[in-house]
């Protein structure tokens, strides 16, 4: 496990809690490291990977490069969320879009 896998962005718990309160299933992937997103979420059969970032936090180039490489081969949805408010807005939008489909 890389040293990056042990770090958890400060916003991750708030984002996960917000999504869970809105009915999303949330699992922590942050220990995977190697550029994998921090969370996997699902709602109504739709799965999304979530990269949590701390607002105004500057990632090292290596972390950003690992994350970019990981996502290159991923065909599903990956979103970047920085705050609980962003998580709330994204989740409500996701629910609206799913209900229309």
PDB file of N, CA and C in Angstrom:
ATOM      1  N   UNK A   1       0.852  -1.173   0.000  1.00  0.00           N
ATOM      2  CA  UNK A   1       0.000   0.000   0.000  1.00  0.00           C
ATOM      3  C   UNK A   1       0.895   1.232   0.000  1.00  0.00           C
ATOM      4  N   UNK A   2       0.557   2.185  -0.839  1.00  0.00           N
ATOM      5  CA  UNK A   2       1.354   3.399  -0.899  1.00  0.00           C
ATOM      6  C   UNK A   2       1.000   4.312   0.252  1.00  0.00           C
ATOM      7  N   UNK A   3       1.859   5.268   0.506  1.00  0.00           N
ATOM      8  CA  UNK A   3       1.557   6.210   1.593  1.00  0.00           C
ATOM      9  C   UNK A   3       0.344   7.064   1.274  1.00  0.00           C
ATOM     10  N   UNK A   4       0.033   7.238  -0.018  1.00  0.00           N
ATOM     11  CA  UNK A   4      -1.130   8.034  -0.389  1.00  0.00           C
ATOM     12  C   UNK A   4      -2.427   7.339   0.000  1.00  0.00           C
ATOM     13  N   UNK A   5      -2.410   6.018   0.032  1.00  0.00           N
ATOM     14  CA  UNK A   5      -3.619   5.273   0.374  1.00  0.00           C
ATOM     15  C   UNK A   5      -4.026   5.508   1.823  1.00  0.00           C
ATOM     16  N   UNK A   6      -3.108   5.907   2.663  1.00  0.00           N
ATOM     17  CA  UNK A   6      -3.433   6.115   4.072  1.00  0.00           C
ATOM     18  C   UNK A   6      -4.042   7.493   4.336  1.00  0.00           C
ATOM     19  N   UNK A   7      -3.897   8.408   3.396  1.00  0.00           N
ATOM     20  CA  UNK A   7      -4.451   9.749   3.576  1.00  0.00           C
ATOM     21  C   UNK A   7      -5.921   9.763   3.199  1.00  0.00           C
ATOM     22  N   UNK A   8      -6.702  10.467   3.969  1.00  0.00           N
ATOM     23  CA  UNK A   8      -8.116  10.643   3.654  1.00  0.00           C
ATOM     24  C   UNK A   8      -8.374  12.137   3.635  1.00  0.00           C
ATOM     25  N   UNK A   9      -8.945  12.625   2.526  1.00  0.00           N
ATOM     26  CA  UNK A   9      -9.251  14.051   2.448  1.00  0.00           C
ATOM     27  C   UNK A   9     -10.222  14.425   3.553  1.00  0.00           C
ATOM     28  N   UNK A  10     -10.025  15.606   4.090  1.00  0.00           N
ATOM     29  CA  UNK A  10     -10.841  16.066   5.217  1.00  0.00           C
ATOM     30  C   UNK A  10     -12.331  16.074   4.897  1.00  0.00           C
ATOM     31  N   UNK A  11     -12.678  16.279   3.647  1.00  0.00           N
ATOM     32  CA  UNK A  11     -14.081  16.366   3.257  1.00  0.00           C
ATOM     33  C   UNK A  11     -14.750  15.002   3.082  1.00  0.00           C
ATOM     34  N   UNK A  12     -13.985  13.930   3.042  1.00  0.00           N
ATOM     35  CA  UNK A  12     -14.541  12.618   2.695  1.00  0.00           C
ATOM     36  C   UNK A  12     -15.650  12.157   3.623  1.00  0.00           C
ATOM     37  N   UNK A  13     -15.473  12.271   4.919  1.00  0.00           N
ATOM     38  CA  UNK A  13     -16.518  11.822   5.852  1.00  0.00           C
ATOM     39  C   UNK A  13     -17.802  12.613   5.694  1.00  0.00           C
ATOM     40  N   UNK A  14     -17.682  13.926   5.521  1.00  0.00           N
ATOM     41  CA  UNK A  14     -18.882  14.752   5.342  1.00  0.00           C
ATOM     42  C   UNK A  14     -19.601  14.406   4.038  1.00  0.00           C
ATOM     43  N   UNK A  15     -18.827  14.190   2.989  1.00  0.00           N
ATOM     44  CA  UNK A  15     -19.422  13.821   1.698  1.00  0.00           C
ATOM     45  C   UNK A  15     -20.123  12.477   1.811  1.00  0.00           C
ATOM     46  N   UNK A  16     -19.467  11.492   2.396  1.00  0.00           N
ATOM     47  CA  UNK A  16     -20.062  10.156   2.543  1.00  0.00           C
ATOM     48  C   UNK A  16     -21.335  10.218   3.381  1.00  0.00           C
ATOM     49  N   UNK A  17     -21.295  10.945   4.477  1.00  0.00           N
ATOM     50  CA  UNK A  17     -22.467  11.062   5.351  1.00  0.00           C
ATOM     51  C   UNK A  17     -23.630  11.736   4.630  1.00  0.00           C
ATOM     52  N   UNK A  18     -23.345  12.777   3.881  1.00  0.00           N
ATOM     53  CA  UNK A  18     -24.387  13.480   3.127  1.00  0.00           C
ATOM     54  C   UNK A  18     -25.050  12.537   2.133  1.00  0.00           C
ATOM     55  N   UNK A  19     -24.253  11.792   1.394  1.00  0.00           N
ATOM     56  CA  UNK A  19     -24.807  10.869   0.406  1.00  0.00           C
ATOM     57  C   UNK A  19     -25.618   9.755   1.072  1.00  0.00           C
ATOM     58  N   UNK A  20     -25.134   9.242   2.190  1.00  0.00           N
ATOM     59  CA  UNK A  20     -25.883   8.202   2.905  1.00  0.00           C
ATOM     60  C   UNK A  20     -27.218   8.729   3.404  1.00  0.00           C
ATOM     61  N   UNK A  21     -27.251   9.943   3.903  1.00  0.00           N
ATOM     62  CA  UNK A  21     -28.510  10.531   4.393  1.00  0.00           C
ATOM     63  C   UNK A  21     -29.531  10.704   3.271  1.00  0.00           C
ATOM     64  N   UNK A  22     -29.040  10.804   2.032  1.00  0.00           N
ATOM     65  CA  UNK A  22     -29.935  10.942   0.885  1.00  0.00           C
ATOM     66  C   UNK A  22     -30.317   9.589   0.286  1.00  0.00           C
ATOM     67  N   UNK A  23     -29.908   8.508   0.939  1.00  0.00           N
ATOM     68  CA  UNK A  23     -30.312   7.182   0.502  1.00  0.00           C
ATOM     69  C   UNK A  23     -29.330   6.459  -0.399  1.00  0.00           C
ATOM     70  N   UNK A  24     -28.173   7.026  -0.621  1.00  0.00           N
ATOM     71  CA  UNK A  24     -27.158   6.377  -1.443  1.00  0.00           C
ATOM     72  C   UNK A  24     -26.427   5.321  -0.615  1.00  0.00           C
ATOM     73  N   UNK A  25     -26.097   4.203  -1.242  1.00  0.00           N
ATOM     74  CA  UNK A  25     -25.183   3.243  -0.628  1.00  0.00           C
ATOM     75  C   UNK A  25     -23.780   3.792  -0.870  1.00  0.00           C
ATOM     76  N   UNK A  26     -22.944   3.784   0.156  1.00  0.00           N
ATOM     77  CA  UNK A  26     -21.600   4.354   0.051  1.00  0.00           C
ATOM     78  C   UNK A  26     -20.602   3.380   0.660  1.00  0.00           C
ATOM     79  N   UNK A  27     -19.522   3.123  -0.076  1.00  0.00           N
ATOM     80  CA  UNK A  27     -18.433   2.293   0.430  1.00  0.00           C
ATOM     81  C   UNK A  27     -17.120   3.034   0.250  1.00  0.00           C
ATOM     82  N   UNK A  28     -16.267   2.929   1.244  1.00  0.00           N
ATOM     83  CA  UNK A  28     -14.968   3.601   1.252  1.00  0.00           C
ATOM     84  C   UNK A  28     -13.941   2.768   0.479  1.00  0.00           C
ATOM     85  N   UNK A  29     -13.342   3.365  -0.537  1.00  0.00           N
ATOM     86  CA  UNK A  29     -12.304   2.711  -1.326  1.00  0.00           C
ATOM     87  C   UNK A  29     -10.934   3.340  -1.096  1.00  0.00           C
ATOM     88  N   UNK A  30     -10.846   4.298  -0.185  1.00  0.00           N
ATOM     89  CA  UNK A  30      -9.631   5.093  -0.050  1.00  0.00           C
ATOM     90  C   UNK A  30      -8.393   4.268   0.281  1.00  0.00           C
ATOM     91  N   UNK A  31      -8.564   3.110   0.883  1.00  0.00           N
ATOM     92  CA  UNK A  31      -7.407   2.275   1.211  1.00  0.00           C
ATOM     93  C   UNK A  31      -6.834   1.550   0.002  1.00  0.00           C
ATOM     94  N   UNK A  32      -7.531   1.559  -1.111  1.00  0.00           N
ATOM     95  CA  UNK A  32      -7.010   0.900  -2.303  1.00  0.00           C
ATOM     96  C   UNK A  32      -5.749   1.590  -2.821  1.00  0.00           C
ATOM     97  N   UNK A  33      -5.719   2.912  -2.744  1.00  0.00           N
ATOM     98  CA  UNK A  33      -4.550   3.650  -3.219  1.00  0.00           C
ATOM     99  C   UNK A  33      -4.366   3.521  -4.716  1.00  0.00           C
ATOM    100  N   UNK A  34      -3.167   3.782  -5.182  1.00  0.00           N
ATOM    101  CA  UNK A  34      -2.798   3.661  -6.597  1.00  0.00           C
ATOM    102  C   UNK A  34      -3.681   4.488  -7.516  1.00  0.00           C
ATOM    103  N   UNK A  35      -4.265   5.561  -7.017  1.00  0.00           N
ATOM    104  CA  UNK A  35      -5.073   6.446  -7.843  1.00  0.00           C
ATOM    105  C   UNK A  35      -6.547   6.137  -7.876  1.00  0.00           C
ATOM    106  N   UNK A  36      -6.981   5.065  -7.200  1.00  0.00           N
ATOM    107  CA  UNK A  36      -8.407   4.712  -7.196  1.00  0.00           C
ATOM    108  C   UNK A  36      -9.209   5.807  -6.488  1.00  0.00           C
ATOM    109  N   UNK A  37     -10.444   6.052  -6.937  1.00  0.00           N
ATOM    110  CA  UNK A  37     -11.293   7.033  -6.271  1.00  0.00           C
ATOM    111  C   UNK A  37     -11.556   6.650  -4.810  1.00  0.00           C
ATOM    112  N   UNK A  38     -12.003   7.628  -4.028  1.00  0.00           N
ATOM    113  CA  UNK A  38     -12.176   7.446  -2.588  1.00  0.00           C
ATOM    114  C   UNK A  38     -13.417   6.662  -2.193  1.00  0.00           C
ATOM    115  N   UNK A  39     -14.505   6.829  -2.950  1.00  0.00           N
ATOM    116  CA  UNK A  39     -15.779   6.213  -2.592  1.00  0.00           C
ATOM    117  C   UNK A  39     -16.432   5.579  -3.808  1.00  0.00           C
ATOM    118  N   UNK A  40     -17.218   4.561  -3.570  1.00  0.00           N
ATOM    119  CA  UNK A  40     -18.122   4.048  -4.592  1.00  0.00           C
ATOM    120  C   UNK A  40     -19.525   4.231  -4.028  1.00  0.00           C
ATOM    121  N   UNK A  41     -20.419   4.768  -4.851  1.00  0.00           N
ATOM    122  CA  UNK A  41     -21.782   5.028  -4.415  1.00  0.00           C
ATOM    123  C   UNK A  41     -22.764   4.388  -5.394  1.00  0.00           C
ATOM    124  N   UNK A  42     -23.945   4.107  -4.889  1.00  0.00           N
ATOM    125  CA  UNK A  42     -24.992   3.648  -5.799  1.00  0.00           C
ATOM    126  C   UNK A  42     -26.339   4.129  -5.291  1.00  0.00           C
ATOM    127  N   UNK A  43     -27.203   4.345  -6.239  1.00  0.00           N
ATOM    128  CA  UNK A  43     -28.582   4.725  -5.944  1.00  0.00           C
ATOM    129  C   UNK A  43     -29.427   4.254  -7.103  1.00  0.00           C
ATOM    130  N   UNK A  44     -30.454   3.535  -6.819  1.00  0.00           N
ATOM    131  CA  UNK A  44     -31.406   3.060  -7.822  1.00  0.00           C
ATOM    132  C   UNK A  44     -30.700   2.321  -8.960  1.00  0.00           C
ATOM    133  N   UNK A  45     -29.692   1.525  -8.614  1.00  0.00           N
ATOM    134  CA  UNK A  45     -28.996   0.728  -9.606  1.00  0.00           C
ATOM    135  C   UNK A  45     -27.916   1.452 -10.394  1.00  0.00           C
ATOM    136  N   UNK A  46     -27.664   2.708 -10.093  1.00  0.00           N
ATOM    137  CA  UNK A  46     -26.640   3.488 -10.786  1.00  0.00           C
ATOM    138  C   UNK A  46     -25.427   3.650  -9.873  1.00  0.00           C
ATOM    139  N   UNK A  47     -24.273   3.219 -10.359  1.00  0.00           N
ATOM    140  CA  UNK A  47     -23.039   3.274  -9.582  1.00  0.00           C
ATOM    141  C   UNK A  47     -22.160   4.417 -10.067  1.00  0.00           C
ATOM    142  N   UNK A  48     -21.605   5.152  -9.124  1.00  0.00           N
ATOM    143  CA  UNK A  48     -20.698   6.255  -9.429  1.00  0.00           C
ATOM    144  C   UNK A  48     -19.525   6.204  -8.473  1.00  0.00           C
ATOM    145  N   UNK A  49     -18.335   6.391  -9.002  1.00  0.00           N
ATOM    146  CA  UNK A  49     -17.145   6.513  -8.177  1.00  0.00           C
ATOM    147  C   UNK A  49     -16.951   7.990  -7.839  1.00  0.00           C
ATOM    148  N   UNK A  50     -16.531   8.255  -6.604  1.00  0.00           N
ATOM    149  CA  UNK A  50     -16.381   9.632  -6.137  1.00  0.00           C
ATOM    150  C   UNK A  50     -14.956   9.870  -5.655  1.00  0.00           C
ATOM    151  N   UNK A  51     -14.330  10.892  -6.207  1.00  0.00           N
ATOM    152  CA  UNK A  51     -13.024  11.356  -5.743  1.00  0.00           C
ATOM    153  C   UNK A  51     -13.291  12.549  -4.829  1.00  0.00           C
ATOM    154  N   UNK A  52     -12.909  12.442  -3.574  1.00  0.00           N
ATOM    155  CA  UNK A  52     -13.107  13.522  -2.610  1.00  0.00           C
ATOM    156  C   UNK A  52     -11.853  14.396  -2.557  1.00  0.00           C
ATOM    157  N   UNK A  53     -12.055  15.672  -2.602  1.00  0.00           N
ATOM    158  CA  UNK A  53     -10.946  16.619  -2.519  1.00  0.00           C
ATOM    159  C   UNK A  53     -11.248  17.630  -1.427  1.00  0.00           C
ATOM    160  N   UNK A  54     -10.218  18.041  -0.738  1.00  0.00           N
ATOM    161  CA  UNK A  54     -10.368  19.090   0.251  1.00  0.00           C
ATOM    162  C   UNK A  54     -10.291  20.429  -0.479  1.00  0.00           C
ATOM    163  N   UNK A  55     -11.251  21.330  -0.257  1.00  0.00           N
ATOM    164  CA  UNK A  55     -11.208  22.622  -0.939  1.00  0.00           C
ATOM    165  C   UNK A  55      -9.875  23.335  -0.691  1.00  0.00           C
ATOM    166  N   UNK A  56      -9.360  23.934  -1.742  1.00  0.00           N
ATOM    167  CA  UNK A  56      -8.124  24.716  -1.696  1.00  0.00           C
ATOM    168  C   UNK A  56      -6.910  23.876  -1.338  1.00  0.00           C
ATOM    169  N   UNK A  57      -7.009  22.572  -1.493  1.00  0.00           N
ATOM    170  CA  UNK A  57      -5.885  21.677  -1.198  1.00  0.00           C
ATOM    171  C   UNK A  57      -5.175  21.364  -2.504  1.00  0.00           C
ATOM    172  N   UNK A  58      -3.889  21.474  -2.512  1.00  0.00           N
ATOM    173  CA  UNK A  58      -3.111  21.205  -3.712  1.00  0.00           C
ATOM    174  C   UNK A  58      -2.561  19.794  -3.651  1.00  0.00           C
ATOM    175  N   UNK A  59      -2.941  18.980  -4.622  1.00  0.00           N
ATOM    176  CA  UNK A  59      -2.436  17.607  -4.688  1.00  0.00           C
ATOM    177  C   UNK A  59      -1.013  17.617  -5.208  1.00  0.00           C
ATOM    178  N   UNK A  60      -0.283  16.624  -4.815  1.00  0.00           N
ATOM    179  CA  UNK A  60       1.032  16.465  -5.408  1.00  0.00           C
ATOM    180  C   UNK A  60       0.838  15.990  -6.835  1.00  0.00           C
ATOM    181  N   UNK A  61       1.809  16.243  -7.677  1.00  0.00           N
ATOM    182  CA  UNK A  61       1.707  15.810  -9.070  1.00  0.00           C
ATOM    183  C   UNK A  61       1.583  14.304  -9.169  1.00  0.00           C
ATOM    184  N   UNK A  62       2.267  13.581  -8.300  1.00  0.00           N
ATOM    185  CA  UNK A  62       2.213  12.124  -8.350  1.00  0.00           C
ATOM    186  C   UNK A  62       0.803  11.617  -8.061  1.00  0.00           C
ATOM    187  N   UNK A  63       0.149  12.188  -7.074  1.00  0.00           N
ATOM    188  CA  UNK A  63      -1.215  11.768  -6.772  1.00  0.00           C
ATOM    189  C   UNK A  63      -2.124  12.037  -7.960  1.00  0.00           C
ATOM    190  N   UNK A  64      -2.052  13.232  -8.502  1.00  0.00           N
ATOM    191  CA  UNK A  64      -2.912  13.590  -9.625  1.00  0.00           C
ATOM    192  C   UNK A  64      -2.639  12.689 -10.824  1.00  0.00           C
ATOM    193  N   UNK A  65      -1.383  12.369 -11.063  1.00  0.00           N
ATOM    194  CA  UNK A  65      -1.016  11.495 -12.180  1.00  0.00           C
ATOM    195  C   UNK A  65      -1.547  10.082 -11.950  1.00  0.00           C
ATOM    196  N   UNK A  66      -1.424   9.556 -10.742  1.00  0.00           N
ATOM    197  CA  UNK A  66      -1.969   8.229 -10.427  1.00  0.00           C
ATOM    198  C   UNK A  66      -3.477   8.196 -10.641  1.00  0.00           C
ATOM    199  N   UNK A  67      -4.156   9.247 -10.214  1.00  0.00           N
ATOM    200  CA  UNK A  67      -5.608   9.310 -10.353  1.00  0.00           C
ATOM    201  C   UNK A  67      -6.006   9.398 -11.821  1.00  0.00           C
ATOM    202  N   UNK A  68      -5.279  10.181 -12.600  1.00  0.00           N
ATOM    203  CA  UNK A  68      -5.568  10.308 -14.032  1.00  0.00           C
ATOM    204  C   UNK A  68      -5.387   8.958 -14.728  1.00  0.00           C
ATOM    205  N   UNK A  69      -4.288   8.284 -14.434  1.00  0.00           N
ATOM    206  CA  UNK A  69      -4.025   6.983 -15.047  1.00  0.00           C
ATOM    207  C   UNK A  69      -5.101   5.967 -14.674  1.00  0.00           C
ATOM    208  N   UNK A  70      -5.533   5.977 -13.437  1.00  0.00           N
ATOM    209  CA  UNK A  70      -6.557   5.028 -12.999  1.00  0.00           C
ATOM    210  C   UNK A  70      -7.848   5.244 -13.777  1.00  0.00           C
ATOM    211  N   UNK A  71      -8.232   6.521 -13.936  1.00  0.00           N
ATOM    212  CA  UNK A  71      -9.498   6.831 -14.605  1.00  0.00           C
ATOM    213  C   UNK A  71      -9.461   6.602 -16.108  1.00  0.00           C
ATOM    214  N   UNK A  72      -8.269   6.591 -16.714  1.00  0.00           N
ATOM    215  CA  UNK A  72      -8.169   6.400 -18.166  1.00  0.00           C
ATOM    216  C   UNK A  72      -8.839   5.105 -18.620  1.00  0.00           C
ATOM    217  N   UNK A  73      -8.712   4.048 -17.853  1.00  0.00           N
ATOM    218  CA  UNK A  73      -9.298   2.779 -18.240  1.00  0.00           C
ATOM    219  C   UNK A  73     -10.695   2.544 -17.712  1.00  0.00           C
ATOM    220  N   UNK A  74     -11.237   3.495 -16.993  1.00  0.00           N
ATOM    221  CA  UNK A  74     -12.552   3.330 -16.384  1.00  0.00           C
ATOM    222  C   UNK A  74     -13.618   3.911 -17.306  1.00  0.00           C
ATOM    223  N   UNK A  75     -14.640   3.134 -17.600  1.00  0.00           N
ATOM    224  CA  UNK A  75     -15.683   3.592 -18.506  1.00  0.00           C
ATOM    225  C   UNK A  75     -16.907   4.153 -17.789  1.00  0.00           C
ATOM    226  N   UNK A  76     -16.983   3.944 -16.486  1.00  0.00           N
ATOM    227  CA  UNK A  76     -18.130   4.432 -15.729  1.00  0.00           C
ATOM    228  C   UNK A  76     -17.943   5.867 -15.280  1.00  0.00           C
ATOM    229  N   UNK A  77     -18.894   6.342 -14.522  1.00  0.00           N
ATOM    230  CA  UNK A  77     -18.889   7.731 -14.049  1.00  0.00           C
ATOM    231  C   UNK A  77     -17.975   7.900 -12.841  1.00  0.00           C
ATOM    232  N   UNK A  78     -17.173   8.945 -12.886  1.00  0.00           N
ATOM    233  CA  UNK A  78     -16.345   9.358 -11.758  1.00  0.00           C
ATOM    234  C   UNK A  78     -16.580  10.847 -11.575  1.00  0.00           C
ATOM    235  N   UNK A  79     -16.959  11.257 -10.359  1.00  0.00           N
ATOM    236  CA  UNK A  79     -17.142  12.682 -10.075  1.00  0.00           C
ATOM    237  C   UNK A  79     -16.165  13.109  -8.985  1.00  0.00           C
ATOM    238  N   UNK A  80     -15.836  14.392  -8.998  1.00  0.00           N
ATOM    239  CA  UNK A  80     -14.976  14.976  -7.973  1.00  0.00           C
ATOM    240  C   UNK A  80     -15.850  15.892  -7.134  1.00  0.00           C
ATOM    241  N   UNK A  81     -15.889  15.643  -5.834  1.00  0.00           N
ATOM    242  CA  UNK A  81     -16.675  16.460  -4.911  1.00  0.00           C
ATOM    243  C   UNK A  81     -15.753  17.014  -3.839  1.00  0.00           C
ATOM    244  N   UNK A  82     -15.940  18.297  -3.498  1.00  0.00           N
ATOM    245  CA  UNK A  82     -15.069  18.952  -2.524  1.00  0.00           C
ATOM    246  C   UNK A  82     -15.751  19.236  -1.194  1.00  0.00           C
ATOM    247  N   UNK A  83     -17.065  19.348  -1.199  1.00  0.00           N
ATOM    248  CA  UNK A  83     -17.774  19.712   0.026  1.00  0.00           C
ATOM    249  C   UNK A  83     -19.074  18.916   0.143  1.00  0.00           C
ATOM    250  N   UNK A  84     -19.650  18.959   1.337  1.00  0.00           N
ATOM    251  CA  UNK A  84     -20.957  18.325   1.550  1.00  0.00           C
ATOM    252  C   UNK A  84     -22.022  19.016   0.698  1.00  0.00           C
ATOM    253  N   UNK A  85     -21.901  20.333   0.514  1.00  0.00           N
ATOM    254  CA  UNK A  85     -22.865  21.051  -0.329  1.00  0.00           C
ATOM    255  C   UNK A  85     -22.786  20.591  -1.783  1.00  0.00           C
ATOM    256  N   UNK A  86     -21.566  20.371  -2.283  1.00  0.00           N
ATOM    257  CA  UNK A  86     -21.408  19.837  -3.640  1.00  0.00           C
ATOM    258  C   UNK A  86     -22.007  18.443  -3.727  1.00  0.00           C
ATOM    259  N   UNK A  87     -21.793  17.630  -2.695  1.00  0.00           N
ATOM    260  CA  UNK A  87     -22.347  16.276  -2.666  1.00  0.00           C
ATOM    261  C   UNK A  87     -23.875  16.327  -2.687  1.00  0.00           C
ATOM    262  N   UNK A  88     -24.448  17.233  -1.923  1.00  0.00           N
ATOM    263  CA  UNK A  88     -25.900  17.397  -1.882  1.00  0.00           C
ATOM    264  C   UNK A  88     -26.436  17.767  -3.262  1.00  0.00           C
ATOM    265  N   UNK A  89     -25.822  18.759  -3.894  1.00  0.00           N
ATOM    266  CA  UNK A  89     -26.276  19.198  -5.212  1.00  0.00           C
ATOM    267  C   UNK A  89     -26.145  18.080  -6.244  1.00  0.00           C
ATOM    268  N   UNK A  90     -25.006  17.388  -6.231  1.00  0.00           N
ATOM    269  CA  UNK A  90     -24.788  16.297  -7.188  1.00  0.00           C
ATOM    270  C   UNK A  90     -25.820  15.186  -6.970  1.00  0.00           C
ATOM    271  N   UNK A  91     -26.035  14.802  -5.714  1.00  0.00           N
ATOM    272  CA  UNK A  91     -26.954  13.702  -5.401  1.00  0.00           C
ATOM    273  C   UNK A  91     -28.389  14.034  -5.800  1.00  0.00           C
ATOM    274  N   UNK A  92     -28.828  15.247  -5.516  1.00  0.00           N
ATOM    275  CA  UNK A  92     -30.194  15.636  -5.895  1.00  0.00           C
ATOM    276  C   UNK A  92     -30.350  15.656  -7.410  1.00  0.00           C
ATOM    277  N   UNK A  93     -29.321  16.136  -8.100  1.00  0.00           N
ATOM    278  CA  UNK A  93     -29.344  16.143  -9.556  1.00  0.00           C
ATOM    279  C   UNK A  93     -29.381  14.723 -10.100  1.00  0.00           C
ATOM    280  N   UNK A  94     -28.599  13.819  -9.516  1.00  0.00           N
ATOM    281  CA  UNK A  94     -28.563  12.414  -9.919  1.00  0.00           C
ATOM    282  C   UNK A  94     -29.942  11.787  -9.729  1.00  0.00           C
ATOM    283  N   UNK A  95     -30.580  12.076  -8.604  1.00  0.00           N
ATOM    284  CA  UNK A  95     -31.904  11.511  -8.339  1.00  0.00           C
ATOM    285  C   UNK A  95     -32.923  12.032  -9.347  1.00  0.00           C
ATOM    286  N   UNK A  96     -32.883  13.342  -9.635  1.00  0.00           N
ATOM    287  CA  UNK A  96     -33.812  13.912 -10.628  1.00  0.00           C
ATOM    288  C   UNK A  96     -33.624  13.268 -12.001  1.00  0.00           C
ATOM    289  N   UNK A  97     -32.369  13.117 -12.412  1.00  0.00           N
ATOM    290  CA  UNK A  97     -32.073  12.537 -13.725  1.00  0.00           C
ATOM    291  C   UNK A  97     -32.530  11.085 -13.792  1.00  0.00           C
ATOM    292  N   UNK A  98     -32.366  10.355 -12.724  1.00  0.00           N
ATOM    293  CA  UNK A  98     -32.752   8.946 -12.686  1.00  0.00           C
ATOM    294  C   UNK A  98     -34.273   8.811 -12.743  1.00  0.00           C
ATOM    295  N   UNK A  99     -34.973   9.712 -12.070  1.00  0.00           N
ATOM    296  CA  UNK A  99     -36.440   9.653 -12.052  1.00  0.00           C
ATOM    297  C   UNK A  99     -37.032   9.955 -13.418  1.00  0.00           C
ATOM    298  N   UNK A 100     -36.353  10.791 -14.203  1.00  0.00           N
ATOM    299  CA  UNK A 100     -36.832  11.152 -15.551  1.00  0.00           C
ATOM    300  C   UNK A 100     -36.604  10.028 -16.551  1.00  0.00           C
ATOM    301  N   UNK A 101     -35.608   9.199 -16.288  1.00  0.00           N
ATOM    302  CA  UNK A 101     -35.236   8.169 -17.279  1.00  0.00           C
ATOM    303  C   UNK A 101     -36.242   7.054 -17.351  1.00  0.00           C
TER     304      UNK A 101
END
